[in-house]
């Protein structure tokens, strides 16, 4: 079940798994919730950056994000009436 988050360009969702995406190299970034090691993810077809994958969280309260993916709403297609 996706959870609501803040991405680089607005609202985003956290997912346990994604399909048809590639993953770039990991780098450390200071995000709103602290320092994380993240890797940008992109569409395998068009190569558009969609969000990122949490590789490592350095604060214990953020460890639940490790191995999960952020996809920004602006890159999602609305179907079946969901918001």
PDB file of N, CA and C in Angstrom:
ATOM      1  N   UNK A   1       0.851  -1.181   0.000  1.00  0.00           N
ATOM      2  CA  UNK A   1       0.000   0.000   0.000  1.00  0.00           C
ATOM      3  C   UNK A   1       0.891   1.236   0.000  1.00  0.00           C
ATOM      4  N   UNK A   2       0.711   2.109  -0.971  1.00  0.00           N
ATOM      5  CA  UNK A   2       1.543   3.316  -1.012  1.00  0.00           C
ATOM      6  C   UNK A   2       1.210   4.289   0.115  1.00  0.00           C
ATOM      7  N   UNK A   3       2.205   4.987   0.579  1.00  0.00           N
ATOM      8  CA  UNK A   3       2.032   6.014   1.600  1.00  0.00           C
ATOM      9  C   UNK A   3       2.398   7.365   0.992  1.00  0.00           C
ATOM     10  N   UNK A   4       1.758   8.432   1.464  1.00  0.00           N
ATOM     11  CA  UNK A   4       2.002   9.759   0.929  1.00  0.00           C
ATOM     12  C   UNK A   4       3.306  10.345   1.476  1.00  0.00           C
ATOM     13  N   UNK A   5       4.112  10.894   0.561  1.00  0.00           N
ATOM     14  CA  UNK A   5       5.405  11.478   0.895  1.00  0.00           C
ATOM     15  C   UNK A   5       5.606  12.748   0.084  1.00  0.00           C
ATOM     16  N   UNK A   6       6.697  13.455   0.350  1.00  0.00           N
ATOM     17  CA  UNK A   6       7.079  14.635  -0.401  1.00  0.00           C
ATOM     18  C   UNK A   6       8.275  14.283  -1.273  1.00  0.00           C
ATOM     19  N   UNK A   7       8.140  14.492  -2.580  1.00  0.00           N
ATOM     20  CA  UNK A   7       9.245  14.262  -3.501  1.00  0.00           C
ATOM     21  C   UNK A   7       9.957  15.560  -3.800  1.00  0.00           C
ATOM     22  N   UNK A   8      10.858  15.536  -4.750  1.00  0.00           N
ATOM     23  CA  UNK A   8      11.600  16.734  -5.141  1.00  0.00           C
ATOM     24  C   UNK A   8      10.707  17.795  -5.767  1.00  0.00           C
ATOM     25  N   UNK A   9       9.646  17.350  -6.459  1.00  0.00           N
ATOM     26  CA  UNK A   9       8.771  18.259  -7.196  1.00  0.00           C
ATOM     27  C   UNK A   9       7.325  18.168  -6.738  1.00  0.00           C
ATOM     28  N   UNK A  10       7.088  17.862  -5.485  1.00  0.00           N
ATOM     29  CA  UNK A  10       5.721  17.788  -4.977  1.00  0.00           C
ATOM     30  C   UNK A  10       5.394  16.447  -4.357  1.00  0.00           C
ATOM     31  N   UNK A  11       4.102  16.162  -4.284  1.00  0.00           N
ATOM     32  CA  UNK A  11       3.612  14.955  -3.634  1.00  0.00           C
ATOM     33  C   UNK A  11       4.151  13.691  -4.310  1.00  0.00           C
ATOM     34  N   UNK A  12       4.416  12.692  -3.494  1.00  0.00           N
ATOM     35  CA  UNK A  12       4.960  11.426  -3.984  1.00  0.00           C
ATOM     36  C   UNK A  12       4.417  10.293  -3.122  1.00  0.00           C
ATOM     37  N   UNK A  13       4.652   9.066  -3.574  1.00  0.00           N
ATOM     38  CA  UNK A  13       4.235   7.888  -2.824  1.00  0.00           C
ATOM     39  C   UNK A  13       5.403   6.954  -2.611  1.00  0.00           C
ATOM     40  N   UNK A  14       5.368   6.248  -1.492  1.00  0.00           N
ATOM     41  CA  UNK A  14       6.380   5.255  -1.151  1.00  0.00           C
ATOM     42  C   UNK A  14       5.829   3.879  -1.490  1.00  0.00           C
ATOM     43  N   UNK A  15       6.591   3.103  -2.262  1.00  0.00           N
ATOM     44  CA  UNK A  15       6.181   1.768  -2.681  1.00  0.00           C
ATOM     45  C   UNK A  15       7.196   0.726  -2.224  1.00  0.00           C
ATOM     46  N   UNK A  16       6.694  -0.473  -1.950  1.00  0.00           N
ATOM     47  CA  UNK A  16       7.568  -1.597  -1.609  1.00  0.00           C
ATOM     48  C   UNK A  16       8.310  -2.121  -2.835  1.00  0.00           C
ATOM     49  N   UNK A  17       7.653  -2.086  -3.991  1.00  0.00           N
ATOM     50  CA  UNK A  17       8.276  -2.587  -5.211  1.00  0.00           C
ATOM     51  C   UNK A  17       7.746  -1.800  -6.406  1.00  0.00           C
ATOM     52  N   UNK A  18       8.507  -1.806  -7.479  1.00  0.00           N
ATOM     53  CA  UNK A  18       8.129  -1.140  -8.719  1.00  0.00           C
ATOM     54  C   UNK A  18       8.525  -2.044  -9.880  1.00  0.00           C
ATOM     55  N   UNK A  19       7.972  -1.778 -11.051  1.00  0.00           N
ATOM     56  CA  UNK A  19       8.314  -2.555 -12.249  1.00  0.00           C
ATOM     57  C   UNK A  19       8.713  -1.607 -13.363  1.00  0.00           C
ATOM     58  N   UNK A  20       9.477  -2.121 -14.290  1.00  0.00           N
ATOM     59  CA  UNK A  20       9.895  -1.380 -15.487  1.00  0.00           C
ATOM     60  C   UNK A  20      10.669  -0.104 -15.169  1.00  0.00           C
ATOM     61  N   UNK A  21      11.480  -0.152 -14.128  1.00  0.00           N
ATOM     62  CA  UNK A  21      12.331   0.989 -13.790  1.00  0.00           C
ATOM     63  C   UNK A  21      13.783   0.541 -13.688  1.00  0.00           C
ATOM     64  N   UNK A  22      14.676   1.471 -14.017  1.00  0.00           N
ATOM     65  CA  UNK A  22      16.099   1.265 -13.823  1.00  0.00           C
ATOM     66  C   UNK A  22      16.543   2.065 -12.618  1.00  0.00           C
ATOM     67  N   UNK A  23      17.731   1.773 -12.144  1.00  0.00           N
ATOM     68  CA  UNK A  23      18.231   2.409 -10.925  1.00  0.00           C
ATOM     69  C   UNK A  23      19.641   2.942 -11.178  1.00  0.00           C
ATOM     70  N   UNK A  24      19.852   4.207 -10.851  1.00  0.00           N
ATOM     71  CA  UNK A  24      21.167   4.821 -10.996  1.00  0.00           C
ATOM     72  C   UNK A  24      22.048   4.519  -9.794  1.00  0.00           C
ATOM     73  N   UNK A  25      23.222   5.142  -9.739  1.00  0.00           N
ATOM     74  CA  UNK A  25      24.134   4.927  -8.605  1.00  0.00           C
ATOM     75  C   UNK A  25      23.622   5.606  -7.335  1.00  0.00           C
ATOM     76  N   UNK A  26      23.934   5.014  -6.204  1.00  0.00           N
ATOM     77  CA  UNK A  26      23.522   5.576  -4.910  1.00  0.00           C
ATOM     78  C   UNK A  26      24.397   6.769  -4.546  1.00  0.00           C
ATOM     79  N   UNK A  27      23.770   7.737  -3.882  1.00  0.00           N
ATOM     80  CA  UNK A  27      24.494   8.893  -3.363  1.00  0.00           C
ATOM     81  C   UNK A  27      23.817   9.353  -2.086  1.00  0.00           C
ATOM     82  N   UNK A  28      24.559  10.018  -1.226  1.00  0.00           N
ATOM     83  CA  UNK A  28      23.988  10.530   0.019  1.00  0.00           C
ATOM     84  C   UNK A  28      23.299  11.863  -0.245  1.00  0.00           C
ATOM     85  N   UNK A  29      22.069  11.990   0.295  1.00  0.00           N
ATOM     86  CA  UNK A  29      21.310  13.238   0.167  1.00  0.00           C
ATOM     87  C   UNK A  29      20.690  13.575   1.510  1.00  0.00           C
ATOM     88  N   UNK A  30      20.676  14.852   1.818  1.00  0.00           N
ATOM     89  CA  UNK A  30      20.007  15.334   3.008  1.00  0.00           C
ATOM     90  C   UNK A  30      18.566  15.671   2.618  1.00  0.00           C
ATOM     91  N   UNK A  31      17.627  14.840   3.023  1.00  0.00           N
ATOM     92  CA  UNK A  31      16.218  15.014   2.714  1.00  0.00           C
ATOM     93  C   UNK A  31      15.503  15.615   3.914  1.00  0.00           C
ATOM     94  N   UNK A  32      14.218  15.880   3.779  1.00  0.00           N
ATOM     95  CA  UNK A  32      13.441  16.473   4.875  1.00  0.00           C
ATOM     96  C   UNK A  32      13.500  15.640   6.146  1.00  0.00           C
ATOM     97  N   UNK A  33      13.653  14.332   5.996  1.00  0.00           N
ATOM     98  CA  UNK A  33      13.662  13.437   7.162  1.00  0.00           C
ATOM     99  C   UNK A  33      15.065  13.004   7.568  1.00  0.00           C
ATOM    100  N   UNK A  34      16.087  13.687   7.050  1.00  0.00           N
ATOM    101  CA  UNK A  34      17.452  13.381   7.459  1.00  0.00           C
ATOM    102  C   UNK A  34      18.305  12.860   6.315  1.00  0.00           C
ATOM    103  N   UNK A  35      19.502  12.423   6.658  1.00  0.00           N
ATOM    104  CA  UNK A  35      20.467  11.929   5.677  1.00  0.00           C
ATOM    105  C   UNK A  35      20.112  10.516   5.251  1.00  0.00           C
ATOM    106  N   UNK A  36      20.089  10.296   3.930  1.00  0.00           N
ATOM    107  CA  UNK A  36      19.794   8.981   3.358  1.00  0.00           C
ATOM    108  C   UNK A  36      20.755   8.713   2.210  1.00  0.00           C
ATOM    109  N   UNK A  37      20.998   7.450   1.928  1.00  0.00           N
ATOM    110  CA  UNK A  37      21.677   7.040   0.708  1.00  0.00           C
ATOM    111  C   UNK A  37      20.566   6.622  -0.256  1.00  0.00           C
ATOM    112  N   UNK A  38      20.459   7.326  -1.390  1.00  0.00           N
ATOM    113  CA  UNK A  38      19.382   7.072  -2.348  1.00  0.00           C
ATOM    114  C   UNK A  38      19.960   6.931  -3.753  1.00  0.00           C
ATOM    115  N   UNK A  39      19.202   6.258  -4.612  1.00  0.00           N
ATOM    116  CA  UNK A  39      19.558   6.113  -6.025  1.00  0.00           C
ATOM    117  C   UNK A  39      18.354   6.526  -6.851  1.00  0.00           C
ATOM    118  N   UNK A  40      18.562   7.411  -7.828  1.00  0.00           N
ATOM    119  CA  UNK A  40      17.470   7.816  -8.700  1.00  0.00           C
ATOM    120  C   UNK A  40      16.945   6.607  -9.468  1.00  0.00           C
ATOM    121  N   UNK A  41      15.629   6.587  -9.683  1.00  0.00           N
ATOM    122  CA  UNK A  41      15.018   5.549 -10.510  1.00  0.00           C
ATOM    123  C   UNK A  41      14.418   6.217 -11.738  1.00  0.00           C
ATOM    124  N   UNK A  42      14.415   5.470 -12.849  1.00  0.00           N
ATOM    125  CA  UNK A  42      13.949   6.030 -14.112  1.00  0.00           C
ATOM    126  C   UNK A  42      13.170   4.990 -14.893  1.00  0.00           C
ATOM    127  N   UNK A  43      12.300   5.465 -15.777  1.00  0.00           N
ATOM    128  CA  UNK A  43      11.516   4.605 -16.644  1.00  0.00           C
ATOM    129  C   UNK A  43      12.447   3.869 -17.604  1.00  0.00           C
ATOM    130  N   UNK A  44      12.312   2.550 -17.703  1.00  0.00           N
ATOM    131  CA  UNK A  44      13.163   1.769 -18.602  1.00  0.00           C
ATOM    132  C   UNK A  44      12.901   2.129 -20.060  1.00  0.00           C
ATOM    133  N   UNK A  45      11.688   2.557 -20.369  1.00  0.00           N
ATOM    134  CA  UNK A  45      11.333   2.854 -21.747  1.00  0.00           C
ATOM    135  C   UNK A  45      11.797   4.246 -22.190  1.00  0.00           C
ATOM    136  N   UNK A  46      11.370   5.302 -21.458  1.00  0.00           N
ATOM    137  CA  UNK A  46      11.659   6.673 -21.897  1.00  0.00           C
ATOM    138  C   UNK A  46      12.805   7.334 -21.135  1.00  0.00           C
ATOM    139  N   UNK A  47      13.318   6.676 -20.095  1.00  0.00           N
ATOM    140  CA  UNK A  47      14.461   7.162 -19.300  1.00  0.00           C
ATOM    141  C   UNK A  47      14.157   8.391 -18.442  1.00  0.00           C
ATOM    142  N   UNK A  48      12.875   8.734 -18.259  1.00  0.00           N
ATOM    143  CA  UNK A  48      12.496   9.848 -17.393  1.00  0.00           C
ATOM    144  C   UNK A  48      12.749   9.480 -15.939  1.00  0.00           C
ATOM    145  N   UNK A  49      13.365  10.383 -15.185  1.00  0.00           N
ATOM    146  CA  UNK A  49      13.558  10.154 -13.751  1.00  0.00           C
ATOM    147  C   UNK A  49      12.207  10.232 -13.061  1.00  0.00           C
ATOM    148  N   UNK A  50      11.872   9.196 -12.284  1.00  0.00           N
ATOM    149  CA  UNK A  50      10.571   9.081 -11.631  1.00  0.00           C
ATOM    150  C   UNK A  50      10.608   9.387 -10.148  1.00  0.00           C
ATOM    151  N   UNK A  51      11.741   9.199  -9.527  1.00  0.00           N
ATOM    152  CA  UNK A  51      11.879   9.354  -8.083  1.00  0.00           C
ATOM    153  C   UNK A  51      13.192   8.744  -7.642  1.00  0.00           C
ATOM    154  N   UNK A  52      13.172   8.018  -6.529  1.00  0.00           N
ATOM    155  CA  UNK A  52      14.401   7.398  -6.038  1.00  0.00           C
ATOM    156  C   UNK A  52      14.116   6.157  -5.213  1.00  0.00           C
ATOM    157  N   UNK A  53      15.166   5.381  -4.993  1.00  0.00           N
ATOM    158  CA  UNK A  53      15.130   4.205  -4.127  1.00  0.00           C
ATOM    159  C   UNK A  53      15.955   4.523  -2.891  1.00  0.00           C
ATOM    160  N   UNK A  54      15.392   4.222  -1.725  1.00  0.00           N
ATOM    161  CA  UNK A  54      16.134   4.377  -0.470  1.00  0.00           C
ATOM    162  C   UNK A  54      17.065   3.187  -0.303  1.00  0.00           C
ATOM    163  N   UNK A  55      18.347   3.409  -0.402  1.00  0.00           N
ATOM    164  CA  UNK A  55      19.330   2.342  -0.192  1.00  0.00           C
ATOM    165  C   UNK A  55      19.655   2.183   1.294  1.00  0.00           C
ATOM    166  N   UNK A  56      19.836   3.316   1.986  1.00  0.00           N
ATOM    167  CA  UNK A  56      20.183   3.275   3.404  1.00  0.00           C
ATOM    168  C   UNK A  56      19.659   4.527   4.096  1.00  0.00           C
ATOM    169  N   UNK A  57      19.112   4.332   5.286  1.00  0.00           N
ATOM    170  CA  UNK A  57      18.695   5.444   6.139  1.00  0.00           C
ATOM    171  C   UNK A  57      19.650   5.478   7.323  1.00  0.00           C
ATOM    172  N   UNK A  58      20.111   6.656   7.678  1.00  0.00           N
ATOM    173  CA  UNK A  58      21.112   6.768   8.740  1.00  0.00           C
ATOM    174  C   UNK A  58      20.499   7.012  10.115  1.00  0.00           C
ATOM    175  N   UNK A  59      19.200   7.326  10.159  1.00  0.00           N
ATOM    176  CA  UNK A  59      18.506   7.498  11.431  1.00  0.00           C
ATOM    177  C   UNK A  59      17.601   6.293  11.669  1.00  0.00           C
ATOM    178  N   UNK A  60      17.591   5.794  12.888  1.00  0.00           N
ATOM    179  CA  UNK A  60      16.842   4.563  13.195  1.00  0.00           C
ATOM    180  C   UNK A  60      15.351   4.691  12.895  1.00  0.00           C
ATOM    181  N   UNK A  61      14.790   5.878  13.076  1.00  0.00           N
ATOM    182  CA  UNK A  61      13.362   6.063  12.832  1.00  0.00           C
ATOM    183  C   UNK A  61      13.006   5.991  11.344  1.00  0.00           C
ATOM    184  N   UNK A  62      14.011   6.050  10.473  1.00  0.00           N
ATOM    185  CA  UNK A  62      13.781   6.044   9.030  1.00  0.00           C
ATOM    186  C   UNK A  62      14.161   4.727   8.357  1.00  0.00           C
ATOM    187  N   UNK A  63      14.609   3.749   9.132  1.00  0.00           N
ATOM    188  CA  UNK A  63      15.077   2.468   8.581  1.00  0.00           C
ATOM    189  C   UNK A  63      13.995   1.734   7.788  1.00  0.00           C
ATOM    190  N   UNK A  64      12.715   1.976   8.093  1.00  0.00           N
ATOM    191  CA  UNK A  64      11.623   1.281   7.402  1.00  0.00           C
ATOM    192  C   UNK A  64      11.596   1.617   5.901  1.00  0.00           C
ATOM    193  N   UNK A  65      12.261   2.691   5.490  1.00  0.00           N
ATOM    194  CA  UNK A  65      12.279   3.106   4.086  1.00  0.00           C
ATOM    195  C   UNK A  65      13.299   2.330   3.250  1.00  0.00           C
ATOM    196  N   UNK A  66      14.255   1.699   3.885  1.00  0.00           N
ATOM    197  CA  UNK A  66      15.327   1.032   3.151  1.00  0.00           C
ATOM    198  C   UNK A  66      14.772  -0.019   2.190  1.00  0.00           C
ATOM    199  N   UNK A  67      15.251   0.043   0.940  1.00  0.00           N
ATOM    200  CA  UNK A  67      14.812  -0.888  -0.091  1.00  0.00           C
ATOM    201  C   UNK A  67      13.498  -0.505  -0.753  1.00  0.00           C
ATOM    202  N   UNK A  68      12.891   0.617  -0.327  1.00  0.00           N
ATOM    203  CA  UNK A  68      11.611   1.054  -0.887  1.00  0.00           C
ATOM    204  C   UNK A  68      11.837   2.191  -1.889  1.00  0.00           C
ATOM    205  N   UNK A  69      10.783   2.530  -2.616  1.00  0.00           N
ATOM    206  CA  UNK A  69      10.868   3.459  -3.734  1.00  0.00           C
ATOM    207  C   UNK A  69       9.913   4.631  -3.579  1.00  0.00           C
ATOM    208  N   UNK A  70      10.368   5.821  -3.941  1.00  0.00           N
ATOM    209  CA  UNK A  70       9.536   7.021  -4.023  1.00  0.00           C
ATOM    210  C   UNK A  70       9.263   7.283  -5.502  1.00  0.00           C
ATOM    211  N   UNK A  71       7.981   7.434  -5.852  1.00  0.00           N
ATOM    212  CA  UNK A  71       7.604   7.875  -7.196  1.00  0.00           C
ATOM    213  C   UNK A  71       6.760   9.130  -7.043  1.00  0.00           C
ATOM    214  N   UNK A  72       7.129  10.164  -7.779  1.00  0.00           N
ATOM    215  CA  UNK A  72       6.423  11.430  -7.689  1.00  0.00           C
ATOM    216  C   UNK A  72       5.106  11.369  -8.463  1.00  0.00           C
ATOM    217  N   UNK A  73       4.065  11.976  -7.876  1.00  0.00           N
ATOM    218  CA  UNK A  73       2.731  11.998  -8.483  1.00  0.00           C
ATOM    219  C   UNK A  73       2.754  12.545  -9.895  1.00  0.00           C
ATOM    220  N   UNK A  74       3.600  13.515 -10.168  1.00  0.00           N
ATOM    221  CA  UNK A  74       3.631  14.138 -11.492  1.00  0.00           C
ATOM    222  C   UNK A  74       4.016  13.146 -12.587  1.00  0.00           C
ATOM    223  N   UNK A  75       4.558  11.980 -12.199  1.00  0.00           N
ATOM    224  CA  UNK A  75       4.953  10.955 -13.174  1.00  0.00           C
ATOM    225  C   UNK A  75       3.991   9.780 -13.220  1.00  0.00           C
ATOM    226  N   UNK A  76       2.889   9.881 -12.510  1.00  0.00           N
ATOM    227  CA  UNK A  76       1.903   8.798 -12.488  1.00  0.00           C
ATOM    228  C   UNK A  76       0.739   9.132 -13.404  1.00  0.00           C
ATOM    229  N   UNK A  77       0.134   8.098 -13.945  1.00  0.00           N
ATOM    230  CA  UNK A  77      -1.054   8.254 -14.782  1.00  0.00           C
ATOM    231  C   UNK A  77      -2.259   7.896 -13.941  1.00  0.00           C
ATOM    232  N   UNK A  78      -3.239   8.784 -13.913  1.00  0.00           N
ATOM    233  CA  UNK A  78      -4.446   8.547 -13.124  1.00  0.00           C
ATOM    234  C   UNK A  78      -5.416   7.681 -13.917  1.00  0.00           C
ATOM    235  N   UNK A  79      -5.761   6.522 -13.361  1.00  0.00           N
ATOM    236  CA  UNK A  79      -6.723   5.613 -13.958  1.00  0.00           C
ATOM    237  C   UNK A  79      -7.625   5.075 -12.864  1.00  0.00           C
ATOM    238  N   UNK A  80      -8.791   4.623 -13.223  1.00  0.00           N
ATOM    239  CA  UNK A  80      -9.728   3.979 -12.300  1.00  0.00           C
ATOM    240  C   UNK A  80     -10.182   4.887 -11.164  1.00  0.00           C
ATOM    241  N   UNK A  81     -10.074   6.207 -11.335  1.00  0.00           N
ATOM    242  CA  UNK A  81     -10.619   7.145 -10.368  1.00  0.00           C
ATOM    243  C   UNK A  81      -9.856   7.364  -9.089  1.00  0.00           C
ATOM    244  N   UNK A  82      -8.620   6.872  -8.943  1.00  0.00           N
ATOM    245  CA  UNK A  82      -7.874   7.112  -7.697  1.00  0.00           C
ATOM    246  C   UNK A  82      -7.253   8.492  -7.736  1.00  0.00           C
ATOM    247  N   UNK A  83      -7.013   9.030  -6.562  1.00  0.00           N
ATOM    248  CA  UNK A  83      -6.391  10.363  -6.445  1.00  0.00           C
ATOM    249  C   UNK A  83      -4.995  10.250  -5.905  1.00  0.00           C
TER     250      UNK A  83
END
